[in-house]
């Protein structure tokens, strides 16, 4: 995902200027070490459940003050430094947008994105 282009396209949508005061972006990147024990990671295999991701985006889009949510998750074999997960949440004020990004990120990672790490 090209974050700059994605945001520029969103800004062209009807109602954007009237409804959006904040956009938060999560750009998850493959780490070169494991969260479990900090051991070196050479590659990871990722599987994204896109139906579940769409369902979560739809669910959180209905929260107060949220204008739009865009999620893109990669699948396949990835190396450290590569983009893994993008989440864009646009909405009215930070009190509405921040918790949505936080909750949504946790749910996407726990319910819709699965990965297997391979040591270096």
N, C-alpha and C. Protein backbone atom coordinates (compact mmCIF):
# COMPACT_ATOMS: atom_id res chain seq x y z
N UNK A 1 0.85 -1.18 0.00
CA UNK A 1 0.00 0.00 0.00
C UNK A 1 0.90 1.24 0.00
N UNK A 2 0.55 2.17 -0.82
CA UNK A 2 1.21 3.47 -0.81
C UNK A 2 0.36 4.37 0.09
N UNK A 3 0.85 4.60 1.30
CA UNK A 3 0.09 5.35 2.31
C UNK A 3 -0.26 6.75 1.80
N UNK A 4 0.69 7.44 1.22
CA UNK A 4 0.44 8.81 0.75
C UNK A 4 -0.66 8.82 -0.30
N UNK A 5 -0.59 7.90 -1.25
CA UNK A 5 -1.61 7.85 -2.30
C UNK A 5 -2.97 7.46 -1.71
N UNK A 6 -2.99 6.52 -0.79
CA UNK A 6 -4.24 6.09 -0.16
C UNK A 6 -4.91 7.26 0.55
N UNK A 7 -4.14 8.04 1.30
CA UNK A 7 -4.70 9.18 2.01
C UNK A 7 -5.15 10.26 1.03
N UNK A 8 -4.37 10.51 0.00
CA UNK A 8 -4.76 11.51 -1.00
C UNK A 8 -6.07 11.13 -1.69
N UNK A 9 -6.25 9.85 -2.01
CA UNK A 9 -7.50 9.40 -2.62
C UNK A 9 -8.67 9.54 -1.64
N UNK A 10 -8.44 9.22 -0.39
CA UNK A 10 -9.50 9.36 0.62
C UNK A 10 -9.93 10.82 0.76
N UNK A 11 -8.98 11.73 0.69
CA UNK A 11 -9.29 13.16 0.83
C UNK A 11 -10.18 13.67 -0.30
N UNK A 12 -10.22 12.98 -1.42
CA UNK A 12 -11.06 13.38 -2.56
C UNK A 12 -12.51 12.91 -2.42
N UNK A 13 -12.77 12.03 -1.45
CA UNK A 13 -14.10 11.46 -1.30
C UNK A 13 -15.09 12.48 -0.73
N UNK A 14 -16.36 12.36 -1.14
CA UNK A 14 -17.38 13.27 -0.62
C UNK A 14 -17.49 13.13 0.90
N UNK A 15 -17.57 14.27 1.58
CA UNK A 15 -17.76 14.28 3.02
C UNK A 15 -16.49 14.20 3.83
N UNK A 16 -15.35 13.98 3.17
CA UNK A 16 -14.11 13.84 3.91
C UNK A 16 -13.83 15.07 4.78
N UNK A 17 -13.80 16.24 4.16
CA UNK A 17 -13.42 17.46 4.89
C UNK A 17 -14.38 17.76 6.04
N UNK A 18 -15.63 17.39 5.88
CA UNK A 18 -16.63 17.67 6.92
C UNK A 18 -16.56 16.66 8.07
N UNK A 19 -16.00 15.48 7.84
CA UNK A 19 -16.07 14.41 8.84
C UNK A 19 -14.73 13.95 9.41
N UNK A 20 -13.63 14.39 8.82
CA UNK A 20 -12.34 13.85 9.25
C UNK A 20 -11.45 14.95 9.82
N UNK A 21 -10.97 14.68 11.04
CA UNK A 21 -10.01 15.56 11.69
C UNK A 21 -8.73 14.83 12.06
N UNK A 22 -8.72 13.51 11.80
CA UNK A 22 -7.54 12.72 12.15
C UNK A 22 -7.51 11.45 11.31
N UNK A 23 -6.30 11.10 10.88
CA UNK A 23 -6.06 9.80 10.25
C UNK A 23 -4.89 9.18 10.99
N UNK A 24 -5.10 7.96 11.46
CA UNK A 24 -4.01 7.20 12.08
C UNK A 24 -3.66 6.03 11.17
N UNK A 25 -2.36 5.74 11.10
CA UNK A 25 -1.87 4.69 10.22
C UNK A 25 -1.00 3.73 11.04
N UNK A 26 -1.25 2.46 10.86
CA UNK A 26 -0.37 1.42 11.39
C UNK A 26 0.32 0.78 10.20
N UNK A 27 1.64 0.71 10.24
CA UNK A 27 2.44 0.03 9.21
C UNK A 27 3.26 -1.04 9.92
N UNK A 28 2.73 -2.26 9.95
CA UNK A 28 3.44 -3.37 10.58
C UNK A 28 4.49 -3.92 9.65
N UNK A 29 5.69 -4.13 10.19
CA UNK A 29 6.83 -4.56 9.41
C UNK A 29 7.38 -5.86 10.01
N UNK A 30 7.86 -6.75 9.18
CA UNK A 30 8.45 -8.00 9.65
C UNK A 30 9.73 -7.67 10.43
N UNK A 31 9.78 -8.16 11.67
CA UNK A 31 10.96 -7.96 12.51
C UNK A 31 12.02 -9.01 12.19
N UNK A 32 13.27 -8.68 12.47
CA UNK A 32 14.37 -9.62 12.27
C UNK A 32 14.59 -10.48 13.51
N UNK A 33 13.69 -10.37 14.48
CA UNK A 33 13.79 -11.15 15.71
C UNK A 33 12.40 -11.56 16.18
N UNK A 34 12.38 -12.68 16.91
CA UNK A 34 11.12 -13.24 17.38
C UNK A 34 10.65 -12.52 18.65
N UNK A 35 9.36 -12.26 18.72
CA UNK A 35 8.77 -11.67 19.91
C UNK A 35 8.93 -12.61 21.11
N UNK A 36 8.90 -13.91 20.86
CA UNK A 36 8.96 -14.91 21.94
C UNK A 36 10.25 -14.84 22.73
N UNK A 37 11.38 -14.86 22.01
CA UNK A 37 12.66 -14.95 22.72
C UNK A 37 13.77 -14.08 22.10
N UNK A 38 13.37 -13.23 21.18
CA UNK A 38 14.29 -12.32 20.48
C UNK A 38 15.34 -13.04 19.62
N UNK A 39 15.09 -14.32 19.31
CA UNK A 39 16.00 -15.04 18.43
C UNK A 39 15.86 -14.51 17.00
N UNK A 40 16.91 -14.68 16.21
CA UNK A 40 16.94 -14.15 14.85
C UNK A 40 15.91 -14.86 13.96
N UNK A 41 15.26 -14.07 13.10
CA UNK A 41 14.27 -14.58 12.15
C UNK A 41 14.75 -14.28 10.74
N UNK A 42 14.77 -15.32 9.89
CA UNK A 42 15.20 -15.15 8.50
C UNK A 42 14.01 -14.80 7.60
N UNK A 43 12.89 -15.51 7.79
CA UNK A 43 11.68 -15.28 7.01
C UNK A 43 10.48 -15.64 7.86
N UNK A 44 9.31 -15.22 7.38
CA UNK A 44 8.05 -15.66 7.99
C UNK A 44 7.09 -16.03 6.87
N UNK A 45 6.23 -16.98 7.17
CA UNK A 45 5.10 -17.28 6.29
C UNK A 45 3.87 -16.67 6.92
N UNK A 46 3.14 -15.91 6.12
CA UNK A 46 1.96 -15.20 6.62
C UNK A 46 0.74 -15.63 5.84
N UNK A 47 -0.35 -15.81 6.55
CA UNK A 47 -1.64 -16.11 5.95
C UNK A 47 -2.65 -15.12 6.52
N UNK A 48 -3.29 -14.38 5.65
CA UNK A 48 -4.29 -13.39 6.07
C UNK A 48 -5.68 -13.88 5.68
N UNK A 49 -6.60 -13.86 6.63
CA UNK A 49 -7.99 -14.22 6.38
C UNK A 49 -8.72 -12.93 5.97
N UNK A 50 -8.78 -12.69 4.67
CA UNK A 50 -9.33 -11.43 4.17
C UNK A 50 -10.82 -11.27 4.45
N UNK A 51 -11.57 -12.36 4.52
CA UNK A 51 -12.99 -12.25 4.87
C UNK A 51 -13.13 -11.73 6.30
N UNK A 52 -12.33 -12.25 7.21
CA UNK A 52 -12.38 -11.80 8.60
C UNK A 52 -11.90 -10.35 8.71
N UNK A 53 -10.88 -10.01 7.95
CA UNK A 53 -10.38 -8.62 7.96
C UNK A 53 -11.47 -7.67 7.49
N UNK A 54 -12.18 -8.02 6.42
CA UNK A 54 -13.29 -7.17 5.94
C UNK A 54 -14.38 -7.05 7.00
N UNK A 55 -14.70 -8.15 7.65
CA UNK A 55 -15.74 -8.14 8.68
C UNK A 55 -15.33 -7.23 9.86
N UNK A 56 -14.08 -7.30 10.25
CA UNK A 56 -13.60 -6.44 11.33
C UNK A 56 -13.62 -4.97 10.91
N UNK A 57 -13.19 -4.69 9.69
CA UNK A 57 -13.22 -3.30 9.20
C UNK A 57 -14.65 -2.79 9.18
N UNK A 58 -15.59 -3.60 8.73
CA UNK A 58 -17.00 -3.19 8.71
C UNK A 58 -17.51 -2.94 10.12
N UNK A 59 -17.18 -3.83 11.05
CA UNK A 59 -17.63 -3.68 12.44
C UNK A 59 -17.11 -2.38 13.05
N UNK A 60 -15.83 -2.10 12.89
CA UNK A 60 -15.24 -0.91 13.50
C UNK A 60 -15.58 0.37 12.75
N UNK A 61 -15.97 0.26 11.49
CA UNK A 61 -16.40 1.45 10.73
C UNK A 61 -17.69 2.04 11.29
N UNK A 62 -18.43 1.23 12.03
CA UNK A 62 -19.70 1.68 12.61
C UNK A 62 -19.53 2.37 13.96
N UNK A 63 -18.31 2.43 14.47
CA UNK A 63 -18.06 3.09 15.76
C UNK A 63 -18.26 4.59 15.59
N UNK A 64 -18.65 5.27 16.67
CA UNK A 64 -18.88 6.72 16.60
C UNK A 64 -17.67 7.48 16.07
N UNK A 65 -17.92 8.38 15.13
CA UNK A 65 -16.89 9.27 14.62
C UNK A 65 -15.98 8.70 13.56
N UNK A 66 -16.15 7.43 13.20
CA UNK A 66 -15.25 6.82 12.22
C UNK A 66 -15.80 7.05 10.81
N UNK A 67 -14.96 7.61 9.97
CA UNK A 67 -15.31 7.89 8.58
C UNK A 67 -15.01 6.70 7.67
N UNK A 68 -13.79 6.15 7.81
CA UNK A 68 -13.39 5.06 6.91
C UNK A 68 -12.23 4.28 7.50
N UNK A 69 -12.22 2.99 7.21
CA UNK A 69 -11.12 2.12 7.60
C UNK A 69 -10.65 1.35 6.37
N UNK A 70 -9.34 1.31 6.18
CA UNK A 70 -8.74 0.54 5.10
C UNK A 70 -7.70 -0.38 5.72
N UNK A 71 -7.75 -1.65 5.37
CA UNK A 71 -6.79 -2.62 5.88
C UNK A 71 -6.22 -3.42 4.71
N UNK A 72 -4.92 -3.58 4.70
CA UNK A 72 -4.26 -4.43 3.71
C UNK A 72 -3.25 -5.30 4.44
N UNK A 73 -3.43 -6.61 4.34
CA UNK A 73 -2.51 -7.56 4.97
C UNK A 73 -1.84 -8.41 3.89
N UNK A 74 -0.57 -8.58 4.00
CA UNK A 74 0.18 -9.40 3.05
C UNK A 74 0.04 -10.87 3.41
N UNK A 75 0.19 -11.73 2.43
CA UNK A 75 0.25 -13.17 2.62
C UNK A 75 1.45 -13.69 1.86
N UNK A 76 1.97 -14.82 2.32
CA UNK A 76 3.10 -15.43 1.64
C UNK A 76 4.35 -15.37 2.49
N UNK A 77 5.49 -15.61 1.86
CA UNK A 77 6.78 -15.60 2.56
C UNK A 77 7.36 -14.19 2.52
N UNK A 78 7.69 -13.67 3.69
CA UNK A 78 8.23 -12.31 3.80
C UNK A 78 9.54 -12.33 4.58
N UNK A 79 10.37 -11.32 4.32
CA UNK A 79 11.66 -11.18 4.99
C UNK A 79 11.62 -9.97 5.93
N UNK A 80 12.51 -9.98 6.93
CA UNK A 80 12.59 -8.81 7.81
C UNK A 80 12.74 -7.51 7.01
N UNK A 81 12.01 -6.51 7.47
CA UNK A 81 12.03 -5.21 6.80
C UNK A 81 10.89 -5.02 5.82
N UNK A 82 10.21 -6.10 5.43
CA UNK A 82 9.11 -5.99 4.48
C UNK A 82 7.82 -5.61 5.21
N UNK A 83 6.95 -4.90 4.49
CA UNK A 83 5.65 -4.52 5.04
C UNK A 83 4.77 -5.74 5.19
N UNK A 84 4.07 -5.81 6.32
CA UNK A 84 3.23 -6.95 6.64
C UNK A 84 1.75 -6.56 6.73
N UNK A 85 1.47 -5.43 7.39
CA UNK A 85 0.09 -5.05 7.65
C UNK A 85 -0.06 -3.54 7.66
N UNK A 86 -1.03 -3.05 6.91
CA UNK A 86 -1.39 -1.63 6.93
C UNK A 86 -2.82 -1.49 7.45
N UNK A 87 -3.02 -0.56 8.36
CA UNK A 87 -4.37 -0.20 8.80
C UNK A 87 -4.44 1.32 8.78
N UNK A 88 -5.46 1.85 8.12
CA UNK A 88 -5.70 3.29 8.07
C UNK A 88 -7.08 3.53 8.68
N UNK A 89 -7.13 4.38 9.70
CA UNK A 89 -8.40 4.73 10.34
C UNK A 89 -8.56 6.24 10.27
N UNK A 90 -9.63 6.69 9.61
CA UNK A 90 -9.93 8.11 9.50
C UNK A 90 -11.20 8.39 10.28
N UNK A 91 -11.19 9.49 11.03
CA UNK A 91 -12.37 9.84 11.80
C UNK A 91 -12.32 11.27 12.30
N UNK A 92 -13.27 11.58 13.15
CA UNK A 92 -13.46 12.96 13.55
C UNK A 92 -12.45 13.47 14.59
N UNK A 93 -12.35 12.84 15.74
CA UNK A 93 -11.49 13.33 16.82
C UNK A 93 -10.68 12.18 17.42
N UNK A 94 -9.59 12.52 18.06
CA UNK A 94 -8.68 11.49 18.57
C UNK A 94 -9.33 10.57 19.59
N UNK A 95 -10.28 11.07 20.38
CA UNK A 95 -10.94 10.23 21.37
C UNK A 95 -11.73 9.10 20.71
N UNK A 96 -12.12 9.27 19.47
CA UNK A 96 -12.82 8.23 18.72
C UNK A 96 -11.87 7.38 17.88
N UNK A 97 -10.87 8.00 17.31
CA UNK A 97 -10.01 7.31 16.35
C UNK A 97 -8.94 6.44 17.03
N UNK A 98 -8.29 6.95 18.06
CA UNK A 98 -7.21 6.20 18.72
C UNK A 98 -7.66 4.84 19.25
N UNK A 99 -8.77 4.77 20.00
CA UNK A 99 -9.15 3.45 20.51
C UNK A 99 -9.56 2.48 19.40
N UNK A 100 -10.14 2.98 18.33
CA UNK A 100 -10.53 2.11 17.22
C UNK A 100 -9.28 1.49 16.59
N UNK A 101 -8.26 2.30 16.31
CA UNK A 101 -7.04 1.73 15.73
C UNK A 101 -6.44 0.69 16.68
N UNK A 102 -6.36 1.00 17.94
CA UNK A 102 -5.76 0.08 18.91
C UNK A 102 -6.51 -1.24 19.00
N UNK A 103 -7.81 -1.18 19.19
CA UNK A 103 -8.62 -2.40 19.29
C UNK A 103 -8.61 -3.19 17.99
N UNK A 104 -8.76 -2.48 16.89
CA UNK A 104 -8.80 -3.14 15.59
C UNK A 104 -7.48 -3.84 15.29
N UNK A 105 -6.38 -3.19 15.55
CA UNK A 105 -5.06 -3.80 15.34
C UNK A 105 -4.94 -5.09 16.15
N UNK A 106 -5.29 -5.04 17.41
CA UNK A 106 -5.19 -6.24 18.25
C UNK A 106 -6.06 -7.37 17.72
N UNK A 107 -7.26 -7.04 17.28
CA UNK A 107 -8.16 -8.08 16.78
C UNK A 107 -7.69 -8.64 15.44
N UNK A 108 -7.22 -7.80 14.54
CA UNK A 108 -6.71 -8.29 13.26
C UNK A 108 -5.54 -9.24 13.50
N UNK A 109 -4.63 -8.84 14.36
CA UNK A 109 -3.45 -9.67 14.64
C UNK A 109 -3.83 -10.98 15.31
N UNK A 110 -4.84 -10.98 16.18
CA UNK A 110 -5.18 -12.20 16.90
C UNK A 110 -6.20 -13.08 16.18
N UNK A 111 -7.02 -12.49 15.30
CA UNK A 111 -8.11 -13.23 14.68
C UNK A 111 -7.98 -13.45 13.18
N UNK A 112 -7.10 -12.70 12.50
CA UNK A 112 -7.14 -12.75 11.04
C UNK A 112 -5.78 -12.85 10.35
N UNK A 113 -4.70 -12.71 11.07
CA UNK A 113 -3.37 -12.80 10.46
C UNK A 113 -2.57 -13.84 11.23
N UNK A 114 -2.09 -14.83 10.50
CA UNK A 114 -1.38 -15.94 11.12
C UNK A 114 0.02 -16.00 10.51
N UNK A 115 1.02 -16.20 11.36
CA UNK A 115 2.38 -16.24 10.82
C UNK A 115 3.19 -17.34 11.50
N UNK A 116 4.14 -17.85 10.73
CA UNK A 116 5.10 -18.83 11.21
C UNK A 116 6.49 -18.26 10.95
N UNK A 117 7.31 -18.21 11.98
CA UNK A 117 8.66 -17.67 11.85
C UNK A 117 9.64 -18.79 11.56
N UNK A 118 10.65 -18.46 10.74
CA UNK A 118 11.73 -19.39 10.42
C UNK A 118 13.05 -18.76 10.86
N UNK A 119 13.83 -19.47 11.67
CA UNK A 119 15.05 -18.88 12.22
C UNK A 119 16.11 -18.60 11.15
N UNK A 120 16.95 -17.65 11.52
CA UNK A 120 18.06 -17.27 10.62
C UNK A 120 19.17 -18.31 10.72
